[in-house]
Amino acid sequence: MNDPDIRELVSKGQTIAAIRRHRERYGSNLVAARAAIESLRWEMTQQIAPKVSALEAELDQLLRSGQKLMAIKRFREETGTNLKDAVAAIEARAAALGGRV
């Protein structure tokens, strides 16, 4: 996504505003807009730190083998995040992997 205003909102942590802007601009439903914004957030994170950690490699492998629930579980074990944040992070990672999952 090359929309500078949406990128800026995401970089400032204004996820809800970014989702609204995406919906207004592209006419997408809430689920599609959220997925697009989560994917963008993941992409921006990777630009800052493109090195793949051992955890990320493990999560990628789990996602590619269709073990999304196990990926969420491993993410929570390693990061200590709550379920909602872990699900969002894994869904963003899956979206970032795109057709490779």
N, C-alpha and C. Protein backbone atom coordinates (compact mmCIF):
# COMPACT_ATOMS: atom_id res chain seq x y z
N MET A 1 0.86 -1.17 0.00
CA MET A 1 0.00 0.00 0.00
C MET A 1 0.91 1.23 0.00
N ASN A 2 0.66 2.13 -0.91
CA ASN A 2 1.52 3.30 -1.07
C ASN A 2 0.85 4.60 -0.67
N ASP A 3 -0.16 4.53 0.18
CA ASP A 3 -0.86 5.74 0.61
C ASP A 3 -0.09 6.36 1.78
N PRO A 4 0.57 7.52 1.55
CA PRO A 4 1.39 8.10 2.61
C PRO A 4 0.59 8.47 3.86
N ASP A 5 -0.64 8.91 3.69
CA ASP A 5 -1.43 9.29 4.87
C ASP A 5 -1.80 8.07 5.72
N ILE A 6 -2.11 6.96 5.08
CA ILE A 6 -2.43 5.74 5.82
C ILE A 6 -1.17 5.20 6.48
N ARG A 7 -0.04 5.24 5.78
CA ARG A 7 1.23 4.80 6.34
C ARG A 7 1.58 5.62 7.59
N GLU A 8 1.33 6.92 7.52
CA GLU A 8 1.62 7.80 8.65
C GLU A 8 0.75 7.44 9.86
N LEU A 9 -0.52 7.19 9.61
CA LEU A 9 -1.42 6.80 10.70
C LEU A 9 -0.94 5.50 11.36
N VAL A 10 -0.54 4.55 10.53
CA VAL A 10 -0.06 3.27 11.07
C VAL A 10 1.22 3.48 11.86
N SER A 11 2.12 4.30 11.34
CA SER A 11 3.39 4.53 12.05
C SER A 11 3.19 5.23 13.38
N LYS A 12 2.12 5.99 13.51
CA LYS A 12 1.81 6.67 14.76
C LYS A 12 0.96 5.81 15.70
N GLY A 13 0.63 4.60 15.25
CA GLY A 13 -0.16 3.71 16.09
C GLY A 13 -1.65 3.98 16.06
N GLN A 14 -2.11 4.75 15.09
CA GLN A 14 -3.52 5.11 14.99
C GLN A 14 -4.23 4.12 14.06
N THR A 15 -4.33 2.89 14.53
CA THR A 15 -4.86 1.80 13.72
C THR A 15 -6.31 2.02 13.31
N ILE A 16 -7.14 2.45 14.23
CA ILE A 16 -8.57 2.64 13.92
C ILE A 16 -8.74 3.72 12.85
N ALA A 17 -8.01 4.82 12.98
CA ALA A 17 -8.09 5.89 11.97
C ALA A 17 -7.59 5.38 10.62
N ALA A 18 -6.55 4.55 10.63
CA ALA A 18 -6.03 4.00 9.38
C ALA A 18 -7.04 3.07 8.72
N ILE A 19 -7.72 2.26 9.53
CA ILE A 19 -8.75 1.36 8.99
C ILE A 19 -9.89 2.18 8.40
N ARG A 20 -10.32 3.23 9.11
CA ARG A 20 -11.39 4.10 8.58
C ARG A 20 -10.99 4.71 7.24
N ARG A 21 -9.77 5.24 7.19
CA ARG A 21 -9.30 5.87 5.96
C ARG A 21 -9.26 4.87 4.82
N HIS A 22 -8.79 3.66 5.11
CA HIS A 22 -8.73 2.61 4.08
C HIS A 22 -10.13 2.27 3.58
N ARG A 23 -11.08 2.15 4.49
CA ARG A 23 -12.46 1.84 4.10
C ARG A 23 -13.05 2.93 3.24
N GLU A 24 -12.80 4.20 3.62
CA GLU A 24 -13.32 5.33 2.84
C GLU A 24 -12.72 5.35 1.45
N ARG A 25 -11.42 5.13 1.37
CA ARG A 25 -10.73 5.23 0.09
C ARG A 25 -11.03 4.07 -0.85
N TYR A 26 -11.07 2.86 -0.29
CA TYR A 26 -11.19 1.67 -1.14
C TYR A 26 -12.56 1.00 -1.08
N GLY A 27 -13.44 1.46 -0.20
CA GLY A 27 -14.78 0.90 -0.10
C GLY A 27 -14.81 -0.53 0.39
N SER A 28 -13.79 -0.93 1.11
CA SER A 28 -13.73 -2.32 1.59
C SER A 28 -14.53 -2.48 2.88
N ASN A 29 -14.83 -3.73 3.19
CA ASN A 29 -15.53 -3.98 4.46
C ASN A 29 -14.52 -3.93 5.61
N LEU A 30 -15.00 -3.99 6.82
CA LEU A 30 -14.16 -3.83 8.00
C LEU A 30 -13.08 -4.91 8.09
N VAL A 31 -13.44 -6.13 7.81
CA VAL A 31 -12.48 -7.24 7.91
C VAL A 31 -11.35 -7.07 6.91
N ALA A 32 -11.69 -6.73 5.68
CA ALA A 32 -10.66 -6.55 4.65
C ALA A 32 -9.77 -5.36 4.95
N ALA A 33 -10.36 -4.28 5.43
CA ALA A 33 -9.57 -3.09 5.77
C ALA A 33 -8.62 -3.38 6.93
N ARG A 34 -9.11 -4.09 7.94
CA ARG A 34 -8.26 -4.43 9.08
C ARG A 34 -7.10 -5.32 8.64
N ALA A 35 -7.38 -6.30 7.79
CA ALA A 35 -6.33 -7.19 7.30
C ALA A 35 -5.27 -6.40 6.52
N ALA A 36 -5.73 -5.45 5.70
CA ALA A 36 -4.79 -4.63 4.92
C ALA A 36 -3.91 -3.79 5.83
N ILE A 37 -4.49 -3.22 6.87
CA ILE A 37 -3.73 -2.38 7.79
C ILE A 37 -2.77 -3.23 8.62
N GLU A 38 -3.19 -4.40 9.06
CA GLU A 38 -2.30 -5.28 9.80
C GLU A 38 -1.14 -5.73 8.92
N SER A 39 -1.42 -6.01 7.68
CA SER A 39 -0.37 -6.39 6.74
C SER A 39 0.62 -5.23 6.54
N LEU A 40 0.08 -4.03 6.42
CA LEU A 40 0.93 -2.85 6.27
C LEU A 40 1.79 -2.66 7.51
N ARG A 41 1.20 -2.83 8.68
CA ARG A 41 1.97 -2.67 9.92
C ARG A 41 3.11 -3.68 9.97
N TRP A 42 2.84 -4.92 9.58
CA TRP A 42 3.88 -5.94 9.56
C TRP A 42 4.98 -5.55 8.56
N GLU A 43 4.58 -5.11 7.39
CA GLU A 43 5.54 -4.70 6.36
C GLU A 43 6.44 -3.57 6.88
N MET A 44 5.85 -2.60 7.53
CA MET A 44 6.62 -1.48 8.06
C MET A 44 7.57 -1.95 9.16
N THR A 45 7.16 -2.90 9.96
CA THR A 45 8.02 -3.47 11.00
C THR A 45 9.22 -4.16 10.37
N GLN A 46 8.97 -4.86 9.28
CA GLN A 46 10.05 -5.58 8.61
C GLN A 46 11.05 -4.64 7.96
N GLN A 47 10.60 -3.47 7.54
CA GLN A 47 11.51 -2.50 6.95
C GLN A 47 12.46 -1.95 8.01
N ILE A 48 11.99 -1.86 9.24
CA ILE A 48 12.83 -1.37 10.33
C ILE A 48 13.84 -2.44 10.73
N ALA A 49 13.39 -3.66 10.85
CA ALA A 49 14.24 -4.77 11.28
C ALA A 49 14.02 -5.98 10.38
N PRO A 50 14.63 -6.00 9.20
CA PRO A 50 14.35 -7.07 8.25
C PRO A 50 14.93 -8.43 8.62
N LYS A 51 15.80 -8.49 9.62
CA LYS A 51 16.40 -9.75 10.01
C LYS A 51 15.32 -10.66 10.59
N VAL A 52 15.28 -11.89 10.14
CA VAL A 52 14.29 -12.85 10.61
C VAL A 52 14.84 -13.56 11.84
N SER A 53 14.12 -13.46 12.92
CA SER A 53 14.54 -14.13 14.16
C SER A 53 14.16 -15.61 14.10
N ALA A 54 14.68 -16.35 15.06
CA ALA A 54 14.35 -17.77 15.14
C ALA A 54 12.86 -17.96 15.38
N LEU A 55 12.26 -17.09 16.20
CA LEU A 55 10.81 -17.18 16.45
C LEU A 55 10.03 -16.93 15.17
N GLU A 56 10.40 -15.91 14.42
CA GLU A 56 9.70 -15.61 13.18
C GLU A 56 9.81 -16.76 12.19
N ALA A 57 10.99 -17.36 12.11
CA ALA A 57 11.18 -18.51 11.21
C ALA A 57 10.27 -19.67 11.64
N GLU A 58 10.19 -19.90 12.95
CA GLU A 58 9.32 -20.95 13.46
C GLU A 58 7.86 -20.65 13.16
N LEU A 59 7.45 -19.40 13.38
CA LEU A 59 6.07 -19.01 13.10
C LEU A 59 5.74 -19.16 11.62
N ASP A 60 6.67 -18.75 10.77
CA ASP A 60 6.46 -18.90 9.32
C ASP A 60 6.26 -20.37 8.95
N GLN A 61 7.09 -21.23 9.53
CA GLN A 61 6.97 -22.65 9.24
C GLN A 61 5.60 -23.19 9.70
N LEU A 62 5.18 -22.79 10.89
CA LEU A 62 3.88 -23.23 11.39
C LEU A 62 2.75 -22.74 10.50
N LEU A 63 2.82 -21.48 10.07
CA LEU A 63 1.77 -20.92 9.22
C LEU A 63 1.73 -21.63 7.87
N ARG A 64 2.89 -21.90 7.31
CA ARG A 64 2.96 -22.57 6.00
C ARG A 64 2.41 -24.00 6.07
N SER A 65 2.52 -24.62 7.25
CA SER A 65 2.02 -25.99 7.40
C SER A 65 0.58 -26.02 7.92
N GLY A 66 -0.06 -24.85 7.97
CA GLY A 66 -1.47 -24.78 8.34
C GLY A 66 -1.74 -24.87 9.84
N GLN A 67 -0.73 -24.62 10.66
CA GLN A 67 -0.88 -24.73 12.10
C GLN A 67 -0.97 -23.34 12.74
N LYS A 68 -2.01 -22.60 12.36
CA LYS A 68 -2.19 -21.23 12.83
C LYS A 68 -2.37 -21.16 14.35
N LEU A 69 -3.14 -22.07 14.91
CA LEU A 69 -3.35 -22.07 16.37
C LEU A 69 -2.05 -22.31 17.13
N MET A 70 -1.21 -23.20 16.62
CA MET A 70 0.08 -23.46 17.26
C MET A 70 0.98 -22.23 17.14
N ALA A 71 0.89 -21.52 16.02
CA ALA A 71 1.68 -20.29 15.85
C ALA A 71 1.26 -19.24 16.87
N ILE A 72 -0.04 -19.11 17.09
CA ILE A 72 -0.54 -18.16 18.09
C ILE A 72 -0.04 -18.56 19.48
N LYS A 73 -0.12 -19.85 19.78
CA LYS A 73 0.34 -20.34 21.08
C LYS A 73 1.82 -20.05 21.28
N ARG A 74 2.66 -20.35 20.30
CA ARG A 74 4.10 -20.11 20.40
C ARG A 74 4.40 -18.62 20.55
N PHE A 75 3.68 -17.80 19.80
CA PHE A 75 3.88 -16.35 19.89
C PHE A 75 3.58 -15.87 21.30
N ARG A 76 2.49 -16.34 21.87
CA ARG A 76 2.13 -15.94 23.24
C ARG A 76 3.16 -16.43 24.25
N GLU A 77 3.65 -17.65 24.08
CA GLU A 77 4.65 -18.19 25.00
C GLU A 77 5.93 -17.34 24.99
N GLU A 78 6.35 -16.95 23.81
CA GLU A 78 7.61 -16.23 23.68
C GLU A 78 7.51 -14.74 24.01
N THR A 79 6.36 -14.13 23.74
CA THR A 79 6.25 -12.68 23.92
C THR A 79 5.45 -12.27 25.15
N GLY A 80 4.63 -13.18 25.67
CA GLY A 80 3.82 -12.85 26.83
C GLY A 80 2.63 -11.95 26.52
N THR A 81 2.26 -11.84 25.25
CA THR A 81 1.13 -10.99 24.88
C THR A 81 -0.19 -11.69 25.17
N ASN A 82 -1.26 -10.90 25.18
CA ASN A 82 -2.58 -11.49 25.40
C ASN A 82 -3.07 -12.14 24.10
N LEU A 83 -4.14 -12.87 24.20
CA LEU A 83 -4.66 -13.63 23.06
C LEU A 83 -5.02 -12.72 21.90
N LYS A 84 -5.70 -11.62 22.17
CA LYS A 84 -6.15 -10.71 21.11
C LYS A 84 -4.96 -10.18 20.32
N ASP A 85 -3.92 -9.72 21.00
CA ASP A 85 -2.75 -9.19 20.32
C ASP A 85 -1.99 -10.27 19.57
N ALA A 86 -1.93 -11.46 20.15
CA ALA A 86 -1.25 -12.57 19.50
C ALA A 86 -1.96 -12.96 18.20
N VAL A 87 -3.28 -13.03 18.25
CA VAL A 87 -4.05 -13.36 17.04
C VAL A 87 -3.82 -12.30 15.97
N ALA A 88 -3.86 -11.03 16.35
CA ALA A 88 -3.65 -9.95 15.38
C ALA A 88 -2.26 -10.04 14.76
N ALA A 89 -1.25 -10.33 15.58
CA ALA A 89 0.12 -10.42 15.08
C ALA A 89 0.28 -11.59 14.11
N ILE A 90 -0.30 -12.73 14.45
CA ILE A 90 -0.18 -13.91 13.59
C ILE A 90 -0.98 -13.72 12.30
N GLU A 91 -2.14 -13.10 12.38
CA GLU A 91 -2.91 -12.82 11.17
C GLU A 91 -2.15 -11.85 10.27
N ALA A 92 -1.50 -10.86 10.86
CA ALA A 92 -0.70 -9.93 10.07
C ALA A 92 0.47 -10.64 9.42
N ARG A 93 1.10 -11.54 10.17
CA ARG A 93 2.22 -12.30 9.61
C ARG A 93 1.74 -13.18 8.46
N ALA A 94 0.61 -13.83 8.63
CA ALA A 94 0.06 -14.68 7.57
C ALA A 94 -0.25 -13.85 6.33
N ALA A 95 -0.81 -12.67 6.52
CA ALA A 95 -1.12 -11.79 5.40
C ALA A 95 0.16 -11.32 4.71
N ALA A 96 1.20 -11.05 5.50
CA ALA A 96 2.47 -10.61 4.93
C ALA A 96 3.12 -11.72 4.11
N LEU A 97 2.92 -12.97 4.53
CA LEU A 97 3.46 -14.08 3.78
C LEU A 97 2.68 -14.30 2.48
N GLY A 98 1.45 -13.79 2.46
CA GLY A 98 0.63 -13.83 1.24
C GLY A 98 0.42 -15.21 0.70
N GLY A 99 0.70 -15.38 -0.57
CA GLY A 99 0.47 -16.64 -1.25
C GLY A 99 1.41 -17.75 -0.83
N ARG A 100 2.41 -17.43 -0.03
CA ARG A 100 3.37 -18.44 0.39
C ARG A 100 2.86 -19.28 1.55
N VAL A 101 1.68 -18.92 2.10
CA VAL A 101 1.12 -19.69 3.23
C VAL A 101 0.13 -20.69 2.70
